Amino acid sequence: MISDRELWACAHQVMNHHGPDVDSFIEARMTALAQAGDDVGVKVWFAIAERVDKLRQMPVAADVRH
């Protein structure tokens, strides 16, 4: 299984890359993996999806410029 740190990094990367389409992308990945019978892959993407949701709930830091 992928480490927690790697899951968070994946969630962040997927959010940055797919923006507002992130949910559709994750759903498509999970569907494809489920159809292929890759239960471990589905679990990994489920864990990434959970972290994406948590990242959305985090307050955005103020833009601090020096």
Protein backbone atom coordinates (compact mmCIF):
# COMPACT_ATOMS: atom_id res chain seq x y z
CA MET A 1 0.00 0.00 0.00
CA ILE A 2 1.07 3.56 -0.60
CA SER A 3 2.20 5.56 2.43
CA ASP A 4 -0.01 8.25 3.92
CA ARG A 5 2.44 10.90 2.80
CA GLU A 6 2.31 9.63 -0.79
CA LEU A 7 -1.49 9.59 -0.72
CA TRP A 8 -1.55 13.24 0.39
CA ALA A 9 0.94 14.14 -2.33
CA CYS A 10 -1.18 12.36 -4.94
CA ALA A 11 -4.32 14.12 -3.75
CA HIS A 12 -2.61 17.50 -3.98
CA GLN A 13 -1.22 16.76 -7.43
CA VAL A 14 -4.53 15.47 -8.77
CA MET A 15 -6.32 18.57 -7.47
CA ASN A 16 -3.76 20.88 -9.06
CA HIS A 17 -3.78 19.05 -12.36
CA HIS A 18 -7.53 18.45 -12.78
CA GLY A 19 -8.95 21.47 -10.93
CA PRO A 20 -12.75 21.54 -11.02
CA ASP A 21 -12.83 18.22 -12.89
CA VAL A 22 -11.02 16.34 -10.12
CA ASP A 23 -14.12 14.45 -8.96
CA SER A 24 -14.89 13.25 -12.48
CA PHE A 25 -11.28 12.18 -12.98
CA ILE A 26 -11.19 10.21 -9.72
CA GLU A 27 -14.55 8.60 -10.45
CA ALA A 28 -13.35 7.54 -13.90
CA ARG A 29 -10.14 6.06 -12.48
CA MET A 30 -12.04 4.13 -9.81
CA THR A 31 -14.57 2.86 -12.35
CA ALA A 32 -11.87 1.69 -14.75
CA LEU A 33 -9.96 -0.04 -11.97
CA ALA A 34 -13.12 -1.71 -10.64
CA GLN A 35 -14.00 -2.96 -14.11
CA ALA A 36 -10.47 -4.36 -14.42
CA GLY A 37 -10.89 -6.16 -11.09
CA ASP A 38 -8.14 -4.11 -9.42
CA ASP A 39 -9.51 -3.90 -5.88
CA VAL A 40 -6.24 -2.55 -4.48
CA GLY A 41 -6.22 0.23 -7.08
CA VAL A 42 -9.80 1.16 -6.17
CA LYS A 43 -8.83 1.33 -2.49
CA VAL A 44 -5.87 3.58 -3.29
CA TRP A 45 -8.03 5.97 -5.31
CA PHE A 46 -10.69 5.93 -2.60
CA ALA A 47 -8.01 6.99 -0.11
CA ILE A 48 -6.88 9.74 -2.50
CA ALA A 49 -10.50 10.90 -2.89
CA GLU A 50 -10.84 11.12 0.91
CA ARG A 51 -7.76 13.32 1.07
CA VAL A 52 -9.01 15.51 -1.78
CA ASP A 53 -12.16 16.11 0.27
CA LYS A 54 -10.10 16.96 3.35
CA LEU A 55 -7.91 19.34 1.35
CA ARG A 56 -11.05 21.14 0.16
CA GLN A 57 -12.12 21.65 3.76
CA MET A 58 -8.85 23.23 4.82
CA PRO A 59 -8.79 27.00 5.12
CA VAL A 60 -6.75 28.74 2.46
CA ALA A 61 -3.69 30.51 3.83
CA ALA A 62 -3.53 34.24 3.29
CA ASP A 63 -1.27 35.41 0.49
CA VAL A 64 1.64 36.88 2.44
CA ARG A 65 4.13 38.84 0.38
CA HIS A 66 7.28 40.39 1.73
